[in-house]
Amino acid sequence: MKLLLIIICLYLTNLALAQNYNSFATEIVGVGKPMILIHGLYCKAEVWNQTVTHYQKIYQCHLLTLAGFAGQKPYRRDSILYTVKEDIARYIKEKKLDKPVITGHSLGAFLGLWLASSYPDLVGPIICIDGVPFLPAMQLPEATVQSSKEMAANMKKYMSIPDPKIIRANQKMYLPTMISDTNKINLVIEWAVASDAATIGQAMYELFTTDLRKEIKNIKSPVLELGTWIAYKAYGADHGSAVSLLKNQFKELPGTTIKVTDKARHFIMYDEPLWMLKEMDTFLCKNVKNGCVKNS
């Protein structure tokens, strides 16, 4: 009887721990220094396949897929991104991960910066793949949270419409500005259609109404920002303007390493993976003990 009670208690404890991470699903691949990888809007952990292949021999890759994204069951909360950020912090503590590298794309990079700002002693180096502390200011440098709220609310309303035809049509229009490869565009379109529209709309609203530009001064870890600009060349963007905008984003964290590609669009891991991995390797080799990838 006593043994049965112990088994039941252990089961309930494990169940409670599992419920703590309802805001994301996890997959662990590889061995070595921990690295948490967080995808961007509409996507899933699969977006990191080539990255994981490159790092899995010396890094233990913890791949997250957020609830409500690309077929994952939604997890309803008033603040989705805050909940994910807090759950990642709990995950690191309960898994006893020693200052994991945080690698994020777009929305995932924003989450990595927020996590590092809130828990500076919990994380290691931060790698941002075309993601910034305050997205609206990349389009309008004078943007504030207040000035962005109306636009964010309209975007949330439109993106929350649960109509696969509308979602598919929108992605067919927007994704060619973000990815060059047609096959990859079609892949992300299917992820988008499989995503929960209400979750996506809320996440986008929070992304446009949360400004981390002051908070990042709390970060103690080295940060790498990999940016892009070529998709906006027709609107006057160039390499210099991209670097300037990114430096302004990280003004409170002047030690940030900023690198900008002249070829890749938003999904750098698809458009220019070798450049991305080379920049990541250089950064990690410098900032992680025994973190160098051989023959990279």
Protein backbone atom coordinates (compact mmCIF):
# COMPACT_ATOMS: atom_id res chain seq x y z
CA MET A 1 0.00 0.00 0.00
CA LYS A 2 2.82 2.40 0.94
CA LEU A 3 4.61 1.62 -2.34
CA LEU A 4 1.41 2.29 -4.30
CA LEU A 5 1.03 5.71 -2.63
CA ILE A 6 4.63 6.58 -3.49
CA ILE A 7 4.05 5.62 -7.14
CA ILE A 8 0.86 7.72 -7.27
CA CYS A 9 2.66 10.71 -5.72
CA LEU A 10 5.49 10.42 -8.22
CA TYR A 11 3.01 10.21 -11.08
CA LEU A 12 1.12 13.31 -9.89
CA THR A 13 4.40 15.19 -9.41
CA ASN A 14 5.53 14.36 -12.93
CA LEU A 15 2.10 15.32 -14.28
CA ALA A 16 2.29 18.69 -12.51
CA LEU A 17 5.74 19.33 -13.91
CA ALA A 18 4.53 18.50 -17.41
CA GLN A 19 1.66 20.95 -17.05
CA ASN A 20 4.16 23.73 -16.32
CA TYR A 21 5.26 23.55 -19.94
CA ASN A 22 1.89 23.57 -21.67
CA SER A 23 3.01 26.76 -23.44
CA PHE A 24 5.48 24.77 -25.54
CA ALA A 25 6.49 21.26 -26.57
CA THR A 26 10.13 20.20 -26.38
CA GLU A 27 12.45 17.85 -28.20
CA ILE A 28 16.04 17.23 -27.10
CA VAL A 29 18.71 16.30 -29.63
CA GLY A 30 22.45 15.95 -29.14
CA VAL A 31 24.89 16.08 -26.23
CA GLY A 32 27.04 18.71 -24.58
CA LYS A 33 26.49 22.34 -23.63
CA PRO A 34 22.73 23.12 -23.61
CA MET A 35 21.27 25.28 -26.38
CA ILE A 36 17.60 26.28 -26.46
CA LEU A 37 16.22 27.06 -29.92
CA ILE A 38 13.02 29.10 -30.34
CA HIS A 39 11.28 29.48 -33.72
CA GLY A 40 9.45 32.48 -35.13
CA LEU A 41 5.82 33.26 -35.98
CA TYR A 42 3.77 30.41 -37.51
CA CYS A 43 6.76 28.06 -37.38
CA LYS A 44 7.88 24.96 -35.49
CA ALA A 45 11.11 23.38 -34.25
CA GLU A 46 11.71 21.79 -37.66
CA VAL A 47 12.88 25.18 -38.94
CA TRP A 48 16.16 24.48 -37.07
CA ASN A 49 16.93 21.08 -38.70
CA GLN A 50 20.14 22.16 -40.42
CA THR A 51 21.25 24.14 -37.37
CA VAL A 52 20.76 21.11 -35.10
CA THR A 53 22.66 18.84 -37.50
CA HIS A 54 25.55 21.28 -37.30
CA TYR A 55 25.61 21.56 -33.49
CA GLN A 56 24.28 18.30 -32.05
CA LYS A 57 27.69 16.70 -31.51
CA ILE A 58 28.82 19.32 -29.01
CA TYR A 59 25.53 20.97 -27.96
CA GLN A 60 22.45 19.44 -26.39
CA CYS A 61 19.74 21.14 -28.45
CA HIS A 62 16.44 21.81 -26.69
CA LEU A 63 13.97 22.49 -29.50
CA LEU A 64 10.78 24.31 -28.58
CA THR A 65 7.53 24.45 -30.54
CA LEU A 66 5.16 26.99 -29.04
CA ALA A 67 1.57 26.04 -28.21
CA GLY A 68 -0.83 27.01 -30.97
CA PHE A 69 1.90 27.09 -33.61
CA ALA A 70 2.09 24.73 -36.62
CA GLY A 71 -0.44 22.21 -35.31
CA GLN A 72 0.40 22.32 -31.61
CA LYS A 73 -2.62 22.51 -29.29
CA PRO A 74 -3.30 26.12 -28.20
CA TYR A 75 -2.71 27.19 -24.60
CA ARG A 76 -5.03 30.08 -23.77
CA ARG A 77 -3.50 32.84 -21.65
CA ASP A 78 -3.99 36.60 -21.50
CA SER A 79 -0.30 37.11 -22.25
CA ILE A 80 1.10 34.37 -24.45
CA LEU A 81 4.68 35.57 -24.84
CA TYR A 82 5.07 36.43 -21.15
CA THR A 83 3.81 32.96 -20.26
CA VAL A 84 6.27 31.32 -22.66
CA LYS A 85 9.14 33.42 -21.29
CA GLU A 86 8.34 32.43 -17.71
CA ASP A 87 7.91 28.77 -18.65
CA ILE A 88 11.30 28.72 -20.37
CA ALA A 89 12.86 30.10 -17.18
CA ARG A 90 11.19 27.34 -15.16
CA TYR A 91 12.29 24.77 -17.72
CA ILE A 92 15.92 25.88 -17.38
CA LYS A 93 15.75 25.72 -13.58
CA GLU A 94 13.97 22.38 -13.34
CA LYS A 95 16.13 20.74 -16.02
CA LYS A 96 19.18 22.24 -14.23
CA LEU A 97 20.56 23.60 -17.50
CA ASP A 98 23.82 25.45 -16.93
CA LYS A 99 23.53 28.86 -18.63
CA PRO A 100 22.14 27.54 -21.91
CA VAL A 101 22.81 29.28 -25.19
CA ILE A 102 19.52 30.86 -26.34
CA THR A 103 19.04 30.91 -30.11
CA GLY A 104 15.89 32.51 -31.49
CA HIS A 105 14.49 33.52 -34.86
CA SER A 106 12.34 36.66 -35.11
CA LEU A 107 9.70 36.26 -32.38
CA GLY A 108 11.96 33.61 -30.84
CA ALA A 109 14.84 36.10 -30.70
CA PHE A 110 12.56 38.60 -28.96
CA LEU A 111 11.69 35.92 -26.39
CA GLY A 112 15.39 35.18 -25.88
CA LEU A 113 16.13 38.85 -25.22
CA TRP A 114 13.17 39.12 -22.84
CA LEU A 115 14.26 35.99 -20.98
CA ALA A 116 17.83 37.28 -20.64
CA SER A 117 16.59 40.70 -19.50
CA SER A 118 14.35 39.15 -16.83
CA TYR A 119 16.76 36.40 -15.71
CA PRO A 120 20.28 37.62 -16.55
CA ASP A 121 21.98 35.03 -14.33
CA LEU A 122 20.04 32.11 -15.77
CA VAL A 123 21.18 32.14 -19.39
CA GLY A 124 24.36 32.06 -21.46
CA PRO A 125 25.05 33.69 -24.83
CA ILE A 126 22.07 34.98 -26.82
CA ILE A 127 21.83 34.58 -30.61
CA CYS A 128 19.17 36.62 -32.41
CA ILE A 129 18.33 35.62 -35.97
CA ASP A 130 16.67 38.74 -37.42
CA GLY A 131 14.79 39.51 -34.21
CA VAL A 132 14.97 42.72 -32.17
CA PRO A 133 13.88 44.28 -28.85
CA PHE A 134 11.06 46.36 -30.42
CA LEU A 135 9.87 45.39 -33.89
CA PRO A 136 7.80 48.50 -34.78
CA ALA A 137 10.91 50.71 -34.50
CA MET A 138 12.53 48.80 -37.37
CA GLN A 139 9.85 50.30 -39.62
CA LEU A 140 9.31 53.58 -37.79
CA PRO A 141 12.33 54.52 -35.64
CA GLU A 142 10.21 56.96 -33.61
CA ALA A 143 7.60 54.29 -32.75
CA THR A 144 6.50 53.76 -29.15
CA VAL A 145 4.27 51.19 -27.51
CA GLN A 146 1.45 53.74 -27.37
CA SER A 147 1.77 54.74 -31.01
CA SER A 148 1.86 51.08 -32.07
CA LYS A 149 -1.25 49.90 -30.21
CA GLU A 150 -3.83 50.76 -32.85
CA MET A 151 -1.85 49.08 -35.62
CA ALA A 152 -1.21 46.08 -33.35
CA ALA A 153 -4.92 45.78 -32.53
CA ASN A 154 -5.84 45.85 -36.22
CA MET A 155 -3.22 43.22 -37.02
CA LYS A 156 -4.49 41.02 -34.18
CA LYS A 157 -8.07 41.31 -35.41
CA TYR A 158 -7.13 40.40 -38.97
CA MET A 159 -4.64 37.62 -38.11
CA SER A 160 -7.07 36.03 -35.66
CA ILE A 161 -9.59 35.17 -38.40
CA PRO A 162 -9.65 31.33 -38.42
CA ASP A 163 -10.03 30.98 -42.18
CA PRO A 164 -7.43 28.71 -43.83
CA LYS A 165 -8.08 30.29 -47.25
CA ILE A 166 -7.29 33.77 -45.95
CA ILE A 167 -4.22 32.55 -44.06
CA ARG A 168 -2.91 30.69 -47.10
CA ALA A 169 -3.49 33.66 -49.39
CA ASN A 170 -1.74 36.05 -46.99
CA GLN A 171 1.27 33.79 -46.59
CA LYS A 172 1.57 33.34 -50.37
CA MET A 173 1.74 37.12 -50.60
CA TYR A 174 4.12 37.83 -47.69
CA LEU A 175 6.48 34.86 -47.50
CA PRO A 176 8.30 35.55 -50.80
CA THR A 177 9.65 38.69 -49.09
CA MET A 178 10.95 36.49 -46.26
CA ILE A 179 12.21 33.32 -48.01
CA SER A 180 13.77 32.81 -51.45
CA ASP A 181 13.25 29.05 -51.86
CA THR A 182 9.76 28.17 -53.17
CA ASN A 183 9.79 24.77 -51.44
CA LYS A 184 10.55 26.40 -48.09
CA ILE A 185 7.83 28.98 -48.71
CA ASN A 186 5.31 26.18 -49.29
CA LEU A 187 6.49 24.41 -46.12
CA VAL A 188 5.98 27.49 -43.94
CA ILE A 189 2.59 28.13 -45.58
CA GLU A 190 1.42 24.72 -44.35
CA TRP A 191 2.70 25.48 -40.86
CA ALA A 192 0.81 28.76 -40.93
CA VAL A 193 -2.44 27.10 -42.00
CA ALA A 194 -2.01 24.53 -39.20
CA SER A 195 -1.47 27.26 -36.59
CA ASP A 196 -4.19 28.54 -34.25
CA ALA A 197 -5.20 31.94 -35.61
CA ALA A 198 -6.17 33.38 -32.22
CA THR A 199 -2.77 32.44 -30.78
CA ILE A 200 -0.93 33.99 -33.73
CA GLY A 201 -2.96 37.20 -33.53
CA GLN A 202 -2.34 37.58 -29.80
CA ALA A 203 1.37 36.80 -30.12
CA MET A 204 1.75 39.41 -32.86
CA TYR A 205 -0.12 41.99 -30.76
CA GLU A 206 2.23 41.38 -27.82
CA LEU A 207 5.28 41.54 -30.07
CA PHE A 208 4.20 44.97 -31.34
CA THR A 209 3.29 46.33 -27.89
CA THR A 210 6.25 45.16 -25.79
CA ASP A 211 9.36 47.35 -25.93
CA LEU A 212 12.54 45.76 -24.55
CA ARG A 213 14.95 48.46 -25.70
CA LYS A 214 15.48 49.75 -22.14
CA GLU A 215 15.19 46.36 -20.44
CA ILE A 216 18.05 44.76 -22.37
CA LYS A 217 20.52 46.80 -20.31
CA ASN A 218 19.98 44.08 -17.66
CA ILE A 219 21.48 41.38 -19.91
CA LYS A 220 24.83 40.06 -18.68
CA SER A 221 25.45 37.56 -21.49
CA PRO A 222 27.11 38.31 -24.84
CA VAL A 223 24.58 38.88 -27.64
CA LEU A 224 24.86 38.24 -31.38
CA GLU A 225 22.38 39.89 -33.74
CA LEU A 226 22.22 38.62 -37.34
CA GLY A 227 20.19 40.99 -39.49
CA THR A 228 18.87 41.30 -43.06
CA TRP A 229 17.87 44.08 -45.46
CA ILE A 230 17.81 42.87 -49.07
CA ALA A 231 14.02 42.25 -49.13
CA TYR A 232 13.48 45.96 -48.56
CA LYS A 233 15.95 47.25 -51.17
CA ALA A 234 13.12 48.61 -53.31
CA TYR A 235 12.05 50.78 -50.37
CA GLY A 236 15.49 52.36 -49.97
CA ALA A 237 17.05 49.95 -47.49
CA ASP A 238 20.75 49.13 -47.73
CA HIS A 239 23.45 47.51 -45.62
CA GLY A 240 24.32 50.74 -43.83
CA SER A 241 20.75 51.60 -42.92
CA ALA A 242 20.17 48.08 -41.58
CA VAL A 243 23.24 48.30 -39.35
CA SER A 244 22.16 51.74 -38.14
CA LEU A 245 18.66 50.55 -37.23
CA LEU A 246 20.04 47.55 -35.36
CA LYS A 247 22.58 49.64 -33.45
CA ASN A 248 19.72 51.88 -32.36
CA GLN A 249 17.75 48.84 -31.17
CA PHE A 250 20.69 47.70 -29.03
CA LYS A 251 21.79 51.16 -27.86
CA GLU A 252 21.40 50.10 -24.21
CA LEU A 253 23.57 47.03 -24.85
CA PRO A 254 26.54 48.47 -26.78
CA GLY A 255 28.58 45.27 -26.55
CA THR A 256 26.15 43.49 -28.91
CA THR A 257 27.84 41.92 -31.95
CA ILE A 258 25.88 42.98 -35.04
CA LYS A 259 26.32 41.24 -38.39
CA VAL A 260 24.17 41.87 -41.47
CA THR A 261 23.83 39.62 -44.52
CA ASP A 262 23.56 41.11 -48.00
CA LYS A 263 21.88 38.04 -49.50
CA ALA A 264 19.41 36.41 -47.13
CA ARG A 265 15.86 37.43 -46.43
CA HIS A 266 14.17 37.05 -43.03
CA PHE A 267 14.60 33.26 -42.78
CA ILE A 268 18.40 33.35 -42.75
CA MET A 269 18.56 29.66 -41.80
CA TYR A 270 16.94 28.87 -45.17
CA ASP A 271 18.38 31.58 -47.41
CA GLU A 272 22.00 31.67 -46.26
CA PRO A 273 22.56 28.87 -43.73
CA LEU A 274 26.32 28.59 -44.19
CA TRP A 275 26.84 32.30 -43.49
CA MET A 276 24.58 32.06 -40.44
CA LEU A 277 26.35 29.01 -39.04
CA LYS A 278 29.77 30.55 -39.65
CA GLU A 279 28.81 33.69 -37.70
CA MET A 280 27.28 31.59 -34.94
CA ASP A 281 30.40 29.40 -34.78
CA THR A 282 32.69 32.41 -34.44
CA PHE A 283 30.50 33.87 -31.69
CA LEU A 284 30.11 30.60 -29.77
CA CYS A 285 33.78 29.68 -30.08
CA LYS A 286 34.61 32.99 -28.44
CA ASN A 287 31.95 32.91 -25.72
CA VAL A 288 31.39 29.24 -24.78
CA LYS A 289 34.06 27.10 -23.14
CA ASN A 290 34.73 24.10 -25.39
CA GLY A 291 31.97 25.44 -27.65
CA CYS A 292 33.83 25.41 -30.97
CA VAL A 293 32.56 23.26 -33.79
CA LYS A 294 35.45 21.47 -35.49
CA ASN A 295 35.79 21.73 -39.27
CA SER A 296 33.03 24.35 -39.43
